[in-house]
Protein backbone atom coordinates (compact mmCIF):
# COMPACT_ATOMS: atom_id res chain seq x y z
CA MET A 1 248.71 109.46 89.61
CA GLU A 2 247.39 110.58 92.85
CA PHE A 3 250.17 108.71 94.68
CA PHE A 4 252.93 110.45 92.77
CA LYS A 5 251.36 113.87 93.62
CA GLU A 6 251.16 113.08 97.22
CA LEU A 7 254.52 111.88 97.28
CA TRP A 8 255.86 114.98 95.54
CA MET A 9 253.91 117.29 98.01
CA PHE A 10 255.46 115.21 100.98
CA LEU A 11 258.95 115.72 99.73
CA LYS A 12 258.37 119.29 99.04
CA VAL A 13 256.88 120.22 102.32
CA ARG A 14 258.99 117.96 104.54
CA LYS A 15 262.18 119.10 102.45
CA LYS A 16 263.11 115.50 101.93
CA PHE A 17 264.63 116.03 98.51
CA TRP A 18 267.51 113.63 99.44
CA LEU A 19 264.98 110.80 98.93
CA MET A 20 264.46 111.50 95.10
CA PRO A 21 267.76 109.72 93.99
CA ILE A 22 266.91 106.73 96.14
CA LEU A 23 263.35 106.56 94.87
CA ILE A 24 264.56 106.78 91.26
CA ILE A 25 267.22 104.20 91.57
CA MET A 26 264.48 101.81 93.13
CA VAL A 27 262.11 102.55 90.35
CA LEU A 28 264.85 101.96 87.66
CA PHE A 29 265.92 98.53 89.28
CA GLY A 30 262.07 97.57 89.38
CA GLY A 31 261.70 98.21 85.89
CA LEU A 32 264.84 96.32 85.12
CA ILE A 33 263.51 93.29 87.06
CA VAL A 34 260.16 93.66 85.08
CA LEU A 35 262.11 93.75 81.76
CA SER A 36 264.15 90.83 82.52
CA LYS A 37 261.36 88.46 83.25
CA GLY A 38 261.18 86.35 80.14
CA SER A 39 262.24 88.84 77.54
CA ALA A 40 264.78 88.95 74.88
CA VAL A 41 266.56 91.66 77.03
CA ALA A 42 267.25 89.22 79.94
CA PRO A 43 270.64 87.86 78.65
CA PHE A 44 272.14 91.32 78.27
CA ILE A 45 270.93 92.31 81.68
CA TYR A 46 272.57 89.29 83.48
CA THR A 47 275.97 90.01 81.76
CA VAL A 48 275.93 93.54 83.10
CA PHE A 49 275.61 92.29 86.66
């Protein structure tokens, strides 16, 4: 949790709020990859892409 706190402080101090959508999309795609590894959701994910 400390990492996210420091990341938020960095974004707030440096006024780098434009990075937030990029980070959110990267986290979502990372979660999608983790879910697709050997799960029942995998066939549905592959049909989307």
